[in-house]
Protein backbone atom coordinates (compact mmCIF):
# COMPACT_ATOMS: atom_id res chain seq x y z
CA MET A 1 -31.58 -8.58 1.41
CA LEU A 2 -31.48 -4.76 -0.25
CA VAL A 3 -34.49 -3.11 1.47
CA SER A 4 -36.32 -4.42 4.76
CA SER A 5 -38.99 -3.20 6.69
CA LYS A 6 -36.33 -1.84 8.82
CA ILE A 7 -35.45 1.10 6.21
CA LYS A 8 -37.05 4.60 6.75
CA TRP A 9 -37.76 5.78 3.35
CA VAL A 10 -39.41 9.51 3.23
CA ARG A 11 -41.43 11.11 0.44
CA TRP A 12 -39.31 12.42 -2.43
CA PRO A 13 -38.97 15.18 -2.94
CA PRO A 14 -38.25 16.48 0.75
CA PRO A 15 -40.01 19.66 2.05
CA VAL A 16 -36.85 21.95 1.22
CA ALA A 17 -36.40 24.82 -0.83
CA LEU A 18 -33.93 23.89 -3.60
CA THR A 19 -32.36 27.07 -5.48
CA PRO A 20 -31.66 27.85 -8.43
CA PRO A 21 -34.91 26.41 -10.28
CA ALA A 22 -32.17 24.92 -12.41
CA VAL A 23 -32.18 22.20 -10.33
CA TYR A 24 -35.45 20.99 -10.16
CA ALA A 25 -34.83 19.87 -14.21
CA LEU A 26 -32.67 17.38 -12.62
CA LEU A 27 -34.57 15.69 -9.34
CA PRO A 28 -36.68 12.80 -10.15
CA ARG A 29 -40.66 12.91 -10.29
CA PRO A 30 -42.47 12.97 -6.81
CA PHE A 31 -42.32 9.28 -5.77
CA THR A 32 -43.39 7.60 -2.14
CA PHE A 33 -42.03 4.23 -0.88
CA GLY A 34 -44.12 1.66 0.64
CA VAL A 35 -42.72 -0.11 3.58
CA LYS A 36 -42.23 -3.90 2.75
CA ALA A 37 -40.53 -6.98 4.23
CA ARG A 38 -38.69 -7.14 0.75
CA VAL A 39 -38.69 -5.05 -2.65
CA GLN A 40 -37.70 -7.54 -5.55
CA GLN A 41 -37.32 -4.30 -8.18
CA GLU A 42 -35.37 -3.39 -11.04
CA GLN A 43 -36.60 -0.13 -11.52
CA GLU A 44 -35.33 2.76 -10.62
CA SER A 45 -35.97 3.05 -6.81
CA MET A 46 -35.60 6.77 -5.35
CA GLY A 47 -36.19 8.71 -1.59
CA HIS A 48 -34.60 9.96 1.17
CA LEU A 49 -33.10 7.33 3.16
CA ALA A 50 -33.06 7.93 7.03
CA THR A 51 -29.52 6.46 8.69
CA LYS A 52 -28.18 7.07 12.06
CA THR A 53 -26.11 9.75 10.64
CA GLY A 54 -28.65 11.89 8.94
CA GLN A 55 -31.13 11.85 6.09
CA PHE A 56 -29.33 10.79 2.45
CA ARG A 57 -30.95 10.70 -0.61
CA VAL A 58 -30.60 7.66 -2.56
CA GLU A 59 -31.38 6.10 -5.85
CA ILE A 60 -31.43 2.50 -6.18
CA GLU A 61 -31.14 0.49 -9.47
CA GLY A 62 -30.57 -2.66 -11.29
CA PRO A 63 -31.13 -6.65 -10.36
CA ALA A 64 -31.98 -6.89 -7.28
CA SER A 65 -29.73 -10.29 -7.01
CA ALA A 66 -26.85 -9.00 -8.73
CA PRO A 67 -23.77 -7.49 -6.60
CA VAL A 68 -23.84 -4.39 -5.16
CA LEU A 69 -22.06 -1.29 -6.93
CA MET A 70 -21.92 2.38 -4.40
CA LEU A 71 -21.30 5.50 -6.26
CA SER A 72 -20.36 8.48 -4.06
CA ASN A 73 -20.09 11.70 -6.17
CA SER A 74 -17.72 14.26 -6.73
CA LEU A 75 -17.21 17.45 -4.83
CA GLY A 76 -19.85 20.35 -5.83
CA THR A 77 -22.08 17.69 -7.86
CA ASP A 78 -24.89 15.00 -7.18
CA LEU A 79 -25.84 11.57 -7.66
CA HIS A 80 -26.64 12.10 -11.29
CA MET A 81 -23.17 13.35 -12.26
CA TRP A 82 -23.29 9.52 -12.70
CA ASP A 83 -26.14 9.28 -15.33
CA ALA A 84 -23.75 7.92 -18.76
CA GLN A 85 -22.74 5.03 -16.55
CA MET A 86 -25.98 3.93 -15.11
CA PRO A 87 -27.27 1.77 -18.46
CA ALA A 88 -23.63 -0.45 -18.37
CA LEU A 89 -23.29 -0.66 -14.44
CA THR A 90 -27.23 -1.58 -13.95
CA LYS A 91 -26.61 -4.71 -16.45
CA LYS A 92 -24.30 -6.18 -14.23
CA PHE A 93 -25.06 -4.90 -10.55
CA ARG A 94 -27.53 -3.43 -7.90
CA VAL A 95 -26.25 0.03 -7.93
CA VAL A 96 -26.65 2.60 -4.97
CA ARG A 97 -26.03 6.01 -5.91
CA TYR A 98 -26.26 8.44 -3.14
CA ASP A 99 -26.09 12.37 -2.81
CA SER A 100 -22.85 12.86 -0.16
CA ARG A 101 -23.46 15.05 3.05
CA GLY A 102 -23.79 18.93 1.93
CA HIS A 103 -24.57 18.09 -1.55
CA GLY A 104 -27.77 17.97 -3.80
CA ALA A 105 -30.59 16.88 -1.51
CA SER A 106 -28.99 14.87 1.25
CA VAL A 107 -28.40 16.33 4.89
CA ALA A 108 -26.39 19.57 4.71
CA ASN A 109 -25.74 20.69 8.35
CA GLU A 110 -23.12 23.32 9.18
CA GLY A 111 -19.58 22.00 9.47
CA PRO A 112 -16.27 21.42 8.94
CA TYR A 113 -17.14 17.75 7.92
CA SER A 114 -14.14 15.38 7.76
CA ILE A 115 -13.02 12.66 5.26
CA ALA A 116 -13.78 10.30 8.40
CA MET A 117 -17.34 11.66 9.22
CA LEU A 118 -18.44 11.14 5.41
CA GLY A 119 -16.72 7.69 5.42
CA GLN A 120 -19.33 6.92 8.26
CA ASP A 121 -21.89 8.34 6.25
CA ALA A 122 -21.70 5.86 3.43
CA LEU A 123 -21.23 2.93 6.47
CA ALA A 124 -24.50 4.53 7.60
CA ILE A 125 -26.35 4.20 4.37
CA MET A 126 -25.29 0.73 4.03
CA ASP A 127 -26.06 -0.73 7.59
CA ALA A 128 -29.23 1.31 6.71
CA LEU A 129 -29.82 -0.85 3.45
CA GLU A 130 -28.36 -4.02 4.95
CA LEU A 131 -25.22 -4.56 2.79
CA LYS A 132 -22.33 -6.17 4.56
CA SER A 133 -20.22 -5.48 1.70
CA VAL A 134 -20.27 -3.29 -1.77
CA SER A 135 -17.98 -2.51 -4.15
CA TRP A 136 -17.19 0.97 -4.79
CA LEU A 137 -16.93 3.72 -7.48
CA GLY A 138 -15.76 6.86 -6.45
CA LEU A 139 -14.61 10.51 -7.90
CA SER A 140 -12.63 13.34 -6.28
CA LEU A 141 -14.61 13.53 -3.31
CA GLY A 142 -16.02 9.98 -3.45
CA GLY A 143 -12.70 9.06 -4.43
CA MET A 144 -11.10 10.22 -1.05
CA VAL A 145 -14.24 8.15 0.92
CA GLY A 146 -13.34 5.21 -0.53
CA GLN A 147 -10.18 5.43 0.56
CA TRP A 148 -10.78 6.10 3.79
CA LEU A 149 -13.20 2.89 3.34
CA LEU A 150 -10.67 0.54 2.41
CA ALA A 151 -8.19 1.33 5.38
CA HIS A 152 -11.08 1.49 8.14
CA ALA A 153 -13.60 -0.86 7.00
CA PRO A 154 -11.40 -2.95 4.81
CA GLU A 155 -14.26 -5.84 5.05
CA ARG A 156 -17.05 -3.55 3.83
CA ILE A 157 -15.49 -3.15 0.86
CA THR A 158 -14.71 -5.88 -2.17
CA ARG A 159 -13.39 -3.66 -5.01
CA ALA A 160 -13.00 -0.04 -5.34
CA VAL A 161 -12.45 2.68 -8.19
CA LEU A 162 -10.77 5.56 -7.21
CA ALA A 163 -10.93 8.45 -10.01
CA ASN A 164 -9.53 11.66 -10.33
CA THR A 165 -9.04 11.92 -6.76
CA SER A 166 -5.76 12.50 -4.13
CA SER A 167 -4.90 11.16 -0.78
CA TYR A 168 -3.24 15.06 0.10
CA MET A 169 -3.78 18.18 -0.53
CA PRO A 170 -0.31 19.56 0.27
CA ASP A 171 -1.74 23.70 -0.07
CA ALA A 172 -4.27 24.58 2.41
CA ARG A 173 -4.56 28.34 0.57
CA PRO A 174 -6.39 27.81 -1.97
CA TRP A 175 -9.07 25.68 0.14
CA ASN A 176 -9.17 28.82 2.12
CA ALA A 177 -9.73 31.26 -0.34
CA ARG A 178 -12.57 29.42 -2.23
CA ILE A 179 -14.14 28.96 1.58
CA ILE A 180 -14.32 32.76 1.65
CA ASN A 181 -15.62 33.58 -1.72
CA VAL A 182 -18.52 31.43 -1.52
CA GLN A 183 -19.13 32.61 1.99
CA LYS A 184 -19.35 36.39 0.78
CA ASN A 185 -20.56 35.73 -2.76
CA GLY A 186 -22.10 32.44 -3.26
CA MET A 187 -21.87 29.28 -5.13
CA ALA A 188 -22.05 31.26 -8.65
CA SER A 189 -19.01 33.28 -7.84
CA ILE A 190 -16.98 29.89 -8.24
CA THR A 191 -18.78 28.21 -11.18
CA GLY A 192 -16.98 29.72 -14.21
CA GLY A 193 -13.39 29.03 -12.67
CA LEU A 194 -14.54 25.52 -11.47
CA ILE A 195 -16.01 24.39 -14.86
CA GLU A 196 -12.51 25.84 -16.47
CA ARG A 197 -10.58 22.85 -14.33
CA TRP A 198 -13.48 20.21 -14.91
CA PHE A 199 -13.18 19.86 -18.49
CA THR A 200 -11.13 20.59 -21.43
CA PRO A 201 -11.41 23.46 -23.54
CA GLU A 202 -12.67 21.13 -26.56
CA PHE A 203 -15.27 19.23 -24.53
CA GLN A 204 -16.70 22.91 -23.23
CA ARG A 205 -17.14 23.79 -26.97
CA HIS A 206 -18.62 20.33 -28.26
CA GLU A 207 -20.86 19.58 -24.80
CA PRO A 208 -22.18 22.86 -24.26
CA GLN A 209 -25.12 21.21 -22.69
CA ALA A 210 -23.10 18.38 -20.80
CA VAL A 211 -21.17 20.81 -19.75
CA GLN A 212 -24.40 23.08 -18.52
CA ARG A 213 -25.92 20.16 -16.76
CA ILE A 214 -23.34 20.41 -14.39
CA ALA A 215 -22.54 24.14 -13.78
CA ASP A 216 -26.51 23.60 -12.49
CA MET A 217 -25.21 20.98 -10.03
CA LEU A 218 -22.37 23.03 -8.50
CA VAL A 219 -24.67 25.94 -8.45
CA ALA A 220 -27.58 24.28 -6.67
CA THR A 221 -25.22 22.80 -4.21
CA PRO A 222 -26.15 24.23 -0.69
CA ALA A 223 -23.14 27.14 0.34
CA GLN A 224 -22.93 25.56 3.49
CA GLY A 225 -22.21 22.22 2.70
CA TYR A 226 -20.01 22.90 -0.06
CA ILE A 227 -17.81 25.07 2.41
CA ALA A 228 -17.93 22.15 5.16
CA ALA A 229 -16.75 19.73 2.34
CA CYS A 230 -14.13 21.79 1.33
CA ALA A 231 -12.39 22.01 5.05
CA ALA A 232 -12.91 17.92 4.67
CA VAL A 233 -10.71 18.13 1.84
CA ARG A 234 -8.50 20.86 2.64
CA ASP A 235 -7.42 19.15 6.07
CA MET A 236 -7.19 15.40 4.72
CA ASP A 237 -3.95 13.13 5.27
CA GLN A 238 -4.32 9.58 3.98
CA ARG A 239 -1.27 8.99 2.71
CA GLU A 240 -0.22 6.55 5.51
CA THR A 241 -3.91 4.77 6.38
CA VAL A 242 -4.26 3.99 2.50
CA ARG A 243 -1.15 1.74 2.44
CA LEU A 244 -3.77 -0.66 4.62
CA ALA A 245 -6.05 -1.30 1.67
CA LYS A 246 -6.34 -5.06 0.88
CA ALA A 247 -9.15 -5.24 -1.38
CA PRO A 248 -8.54 -4.82 -5.48
CA VAL A 249 -8.11 -1.09 -6.57
CA LEU A 250 -8.34 0.88 -9.81
CA VAL A 251 -7.11 4.31 -9.98
CA ILE A 252 -8.38 6.38 -13.05
CA ALA A 253 -6.37 9.75 -13.76
CA GLY A 254 -6.87 12.39 -16.34
CA THR A 255 -4.44 13.85 -18.34
CA ARG A 256 -5.57 17.09 -18.43
CA ASP A 257 -6.56 17.50 -14.89
CA PRO A 258 -5.34 20.51 -13.08
CA ALA A 259 -7.36 19.52 -9.82
CA THR A 260 -5.97 16.62 -8.88
CA PRO A 261 -3.12 15.73 -11.95
CA PRO A 262 -1.95 12.17 -13.07
CA SER A 263 1.00 12.46 -10.39
CA LEU A 264 -1.12 12.65 -7.16
CA GLY A 265 -3.28 9.60 -8.63
CA MET A 266 0.14 7.44 -9.56
CA GLN A 267 0.87 8.33 -5.64
CA ILE A 268 -2.04 6.34 -4.88
CA ALA A 269 -1.21 3.65 -7.01
CA SER A 270 2.20 3.14 -5.55
CA LEU A 271 0.85 3.05 -1.77
CA ILE A 272 -1.81 0.42 -2.42
CA ASP A 273 -0.33 -3.44 -2.86
CA GLY A 274 -1.39 -4.33 -6.42
CA ALA A 275 -3.34 -1.04 -7.43
CA GLN A 276 -4.30 -0.64 -11.36
CA TYR A 277 -3.81 2.22 -13.15
CA VAL A 278 -5.22 3.88 -16.15
CA GLU A 279 -5.32 7.48 -17.40
CA LEU A 280 -7.71 8.93 -19.54
CA ASP A 281 -6.94 12.05 -22.26
CA ALA A 282 -9.56 13.98 -19.93
CA ALA A 283 -9.80 16.87 -17.00
CA HIS A 284 -11.38 16.32 -14.04
CA LEU A 285 -14.51 14.78 -14.39
CA SER A 286 -13.40 12.10 -16.69
CA ASN A 287 -16.57 10.23 -16.36
CA VAL A 288 -18.48 12.90 -17.94
CA GLU A 289 -15.80 13.71 -20.52
CA MET A 290 -14.90 10.72 -21.68
CA PRO A 291 -17.85 8.14 -20.61
CA ASP A 292 -17.31 5.13 -22.52
CA ALA A 293 -13.89 4.78 -21.94
CA PHE A 294 -14.34 5.63 -18.04
CA THR A 295 -17.33 3.12 -18.00
CA ARG A 296 -15.42 0.60 -20.05
CA ALA A 297 -12.10 0.50 -17.64
CA VAL A 298 -14.80 0.26 -14.98
CA MET A 299 -16.30 -2.42 -15.74
CA GLN A 300 -13.52 -4.27 -17.03
CA PHE A 301 -12.02 -4.01 -13.42
CA LEU A 302 -15.34 -4.32 -11.63
CA THR A 303 -16.23 -7.66 -13.92
CA ALA A 304 -12.50 -9.55 -13.98
CA PRO A 305 -12.54 -12.98 -12.19
CA ALA A 306 -11.29 -12.47 -8.92
CA LYS A 307 -7.51 -14.17 -8.41
CA LYS A 308 -7.63 -17.35 -6.96
CA ALA A 309 -5.99 -17.69 -3.75
CA ALA A 310 -3.17 -20.28 -3.37
CA ALA A 311 -5.11 -23.43 -2.25
CA PRO A 312 -3.97 -24.42 1.47
CA LYS A 313 -1.74 -27.94 1.97
CA LYS A 314 -3.73 -31.36 2.77
CA LYS A 315 -3.36 -32.65 5.84
CA ALA A 316 -2.20 -36.33 5.78
CA ALA A 317 -3.99 -38.85 7.58
CA PRO A 318 -2.75 -39.84 10.80
CA LYS A 319 -1.63 -43.31 9.91
CA LYS A 320 0.49 -41.70 6.72
CA LYS A 321 2.11 -39.00 9.42
CA ALA A 322 3.35 -41.82 11.76
CA ALA A 323 4.50 -43.54 8.72
CA LYS A 324 6.70 -40.80 7.58
CA LYS A 325 7.92 -40.15 10.91
CA ALA A 326 9.20 -43.51 11.10
CA VAL A 327 11.09 -43.34 7.61
CA ALA A 328 12.29 -39.83 9.08
CA LYS A 329 14.02 -41.39 12.33
CA LYS A 330 15.66 -44.08 10.53
CA LYS A 331 17.38 -42.32 8.00
CA ALA A 332 18.27 -39.71 10.48
CA ALA A 333 19.63 -43.05 12.68
CA ALA A 334 21.80 -44.44 9.58
CA LYS A 335 23.01 -41.02 8.72
CA LYS A 336 24.54 -40.72 12.18
CA VAL A 337 26.18 -44.23 11.96
CA ALA A 338 27.21 -43.55 8.35
CA ARG A 339 28.53 -40.29 9.53
CA LYS A 340 30.57 -41.98 12.66
CA ALA A 341 31.84 -44.57 10.34
CA VAL A 342 33.19 -41.57 8.11
CA LYS A 343 34.93 -39.93 10.93
CA LYS A 344 36.71 -43.02 11.95
CA THR A 345 38.33 -44.11 8.82
CA ALA A 346 39.30 -40.65 8.43
CA LYS A 347 40.96 -40.36 11.21
CA LYS A 348 42.60 -43.48 11.00
CA ALA A 349 44.12 -42.56 7.12
CA VAL A 350 45.46 -39.58 8.93
CA LYS A 351 47.06 -41.20 11.40
CA LYS A 352 48.43 -43.68 9.12
CA VAL A 353 49.98 -40.62 6.95
CA VAL A 354 50.42 -38.52 9.68
CA LYS A 355 52.74 -40.46 11.90
CA PRO A 356 55.24 -41.92 10.02
CA ALA A 357 56.11 -38.47 8.44
CA ALA A 358 55.80 -36.64 11.90
CA LYS A 359 58.20 -39.54 12.97
CA LYS A 360 61.11 -38.81 10.35
CA THR A 361 60.88 -35.14 10.73
CA ALA A 362 61.60 -35.56 14.34
CA LYS A 363 64.62 -37.84 14.00
CA LYS A 364 65.96 -35.36 11.41
CA VAL A 365 65.47 -32.39 13.84
CA ILE A 366 67.11 -34.03 16.39
CA LYS A 367 69.80 -35.14 14.34
CA LYS A 368 70.25 -31.29 13.24
CA ALA A 369 70.47 -30.05 17.24
CA ALA A 370 72.91 -33.10 18.50
CA LYS A 371 75.55 -32.00 15.56
CA LYS A 372 74.88 -28.56 16.37
CA SER A 373 75.70 -29.12 19.68
CA VAL A 374 78.49 -31.57 19.22
CA LYS A 375 80.14 -29.28 17.13
CA LYS A 376 79.75 -26.19 19.62
CA THR A 377 81.06 -28.63 22.61
CA VAL A 378 84.24 -29.69 20.52
CA THR A 379 84.80 -25.90 19.06
CA LYS A 380 85.09 -24.61 22.63
CA ALA A 381 87.23 -27.31 23.57
CA ALA A 382 89.42 -26.75 20.93
CA LYS A 383 89.65 -23.15 21.15
CA LYS A 384 91.00 -23.86 25.14
CA THR A 385 93.06 -26.22 24.07
CA VAL A 386 94.96 -24.34 21.58
CA LYS A 387 94.90 -20.75 23.79
CA LYS A 388 96.82 -22.46 27.40
CA PRO A 389 99.56 -23.82 25.02
CA ALA A 390 100.28 -20.87 23.25
CA LYS A 391 99.98 -18.26 25.83
CA LYS A 392 102.33 -20.18 28.26
CA ALA A 393 104.76 -20.16 24.76
CA ALA A 394 104.69 -16.49 24.93
CA LYS A 395 105.31 -15.78 28.58
CA LYS A 396 108.30 -17.81 29.02
CA ILE A 397 109.86 -15.99 25.76
CA VAL A 398 109.11 -12.69 27.22
CA ARG A 399 110.24 -13.67 30.66
CA ARG A 400 113.98 -15.42 29.41
CA PRO A 401 115.19 -11.84 27.75
CA ALA A 402 114.05 -10.26 30.45
CA LYS A 403 115.83 -12.08 33.17
CA LYS A 404 119.05 -11.93 30.82
CA ALA A 405 119.23 -8.31 30.59
CA THR A 406 118.41 -7.62 34.26
CA LYS A 407 121.57 -9.96 34.89
CA ARG A 408 123.72 -8.05 32.43
CA SER A 409 122.66 -4.75 34.04
CA ALA A 410 123.45 -5.98 37.44
CA ARG A 411 127.11 -7.08 36.48
């Protein structure tokens, strides 16, 4: 159910002044929604949608029964930046696109904003439209909001395309300088410089009307809202939380994008498990500069068959389980008996081999020891018996001449 009686639609255009006048060429004709319990229409639906976080300009197109795809615009543009993609997208999807807070004709309160605040706005729009989940397509700022949703409301995002975006801006100084410039000189003061970053020189030469259309969106952006959104981008750091993304993700980068170069897109793809990466030969607004290639990549990703989850193992019937357990027990018991028998036979075989060998070695050792001890005792005894007679004989020989000599001297 896309639109119900609970939804509050406001007459379009809203009673606010939008400048410069060039923006009125981009706005839809006045249109009033009637409040109905069911709105089953495929033609364009336009109006201001009241949500719990504020009022947002929302457009809904495509078959009412088709899956819903939500589009989120870049910094400094509005929902019409997606016009080139709408013919293809509305064939397969019920497309919900809106002006982000601070942009176009949506609420543009004083900031600063945060990416979390902009993410809550997207959830509020989904809740107001009674959408349980959607596919997401966001570029630049819209891609940053998509990253927040993937991490903090994963059940609401089925697939996501994150185009020309980043998880983190390392240098705050350019953002501070831009904020000060807009505060002092207005949106026109930054338009020329941003167009140079958003489109390649070739595209600016060959497609001046498309470039001017985007320039008009930028000038028409409320300065207060733009400044507040710049603060959200400046202060963002989603390098850790983006790892939590579980839904399928396609990252699109522009080879010639100085605002969010390919390295930043590659970083996002590397942080998200299973993310796909596509690089187009374009600058920052790749969907405008290369609409066909961009749309083709998006459609291929969003309409690709979902990967089948591994089928759960079927639980066996109770009888089969009991039979399997009994068989397993018997096998285990048989194995134990076999192990014991093997151990016994091995021990016996070892004993038969070891005992005779041990006996032989023991006998040899005993014999050697006995021989050594006998030799020692015999040699000692022999030495003693030999030494004693020799000593006595030597003493006798020495004593006899000495006695004779003493006798002679006495005479």
